[in-house]
Amino acid sequence: MKLALFDLDYTLLPLDSDYAWGQFTVSLGWRDAESHTRANDAFYEQYKAGTLDIVEYIRFATSALREHGMATSDLAHERFMAEVIRPAIRPEALELVRAHQAAGDAVIIVTATNEFVTRPIAEAFGVSELIAIELERDGEGHLTGAIRGTPSFREGKVARVEQWLASRGLSWAAVDHSTFYSDSINDLPLLEKVHEPVATNPDPRLLPIATERGWRILNLFE
C-alpha cells in the first residue's frame, strides 16, 4: 500500500478553513464581530506558535453550531462552501491530489479542523477518506462541545493514521511508501513518521527544519 496524506489548511487550501468558518458565522450575525474575531485571532496565533489547547479551541469553535443546531448550520455551510471555499480551491492543489489518485495511492486528508467544517471540503477535492477532529454528541445527537476520541492534532495525527490502518487490518509495516504534505510545525510528528515528508507552503517555523533535513519543499500557491 502507498499512502498520500494531506494536511488541509494552508496546504491544499490557501486559507484556514476553521478560521474562515468562524468569520463566516460573524457575517451571518451568529457572533459578535469584535469579541469573536478577538478570540479567533488569539487561538490562531496559539496554533501558529504550537501552543494551542485543542480541547478549549473546539469548545469555542463549535459554540455557534451548538446554539443554532445542525439543520441550520448545514444550510449555512452550503453557503460557506459556495462563497468562501470553492472559489479558493486552486487547480494546482486539485492536480496534486489527482496525481496521487491516478497512481493508485490511498489518499487521505488528515486535518486538525473538525469534521463538520472539513467533510464537504474533502468531498470537493474528490477525497473520500478524511481524518478530522470528531465531535462528541449526546444521546439525542446534539453536539456537546467536546472531542470524540483522539484529536487529529500534532501527535494525534500519527495515532489517528495508525487507527485508520488498524481498522483495515494493517500497520505502518504494511505501508510500502507514505507521503505527507503539510505547511505546519504542528504536523512535525507525522512529517517525521512518513517515508517522504513534503513541506508544502511551509510556515516560518517549519521551513528551516525542512531545509536543514533536506525535505522536499513545495510552494503550491506561488
Foldseek 3Di string as FASTA:
>chain_A
DEAEEEEPAVFQFVHDLLLLVQVLCVVVVLDPNPVSNVVSVVQVVCQQVVNHPLLVVLLSSCPSCLVPDDVVVVVSLVVCCVPPNPVRRDPLSLVVQVVCVVVVHQYEYQYAAAPVRCVVVCVVSVHNHYHYFYFDADPVRGTDSGTDDQGSWQVSVVVVVQVVQVVVVHGPVPHPFYEYEEQGPRNVVVLVVGPAYENEVHDPVVVVVCVVVVHHYHDRPD
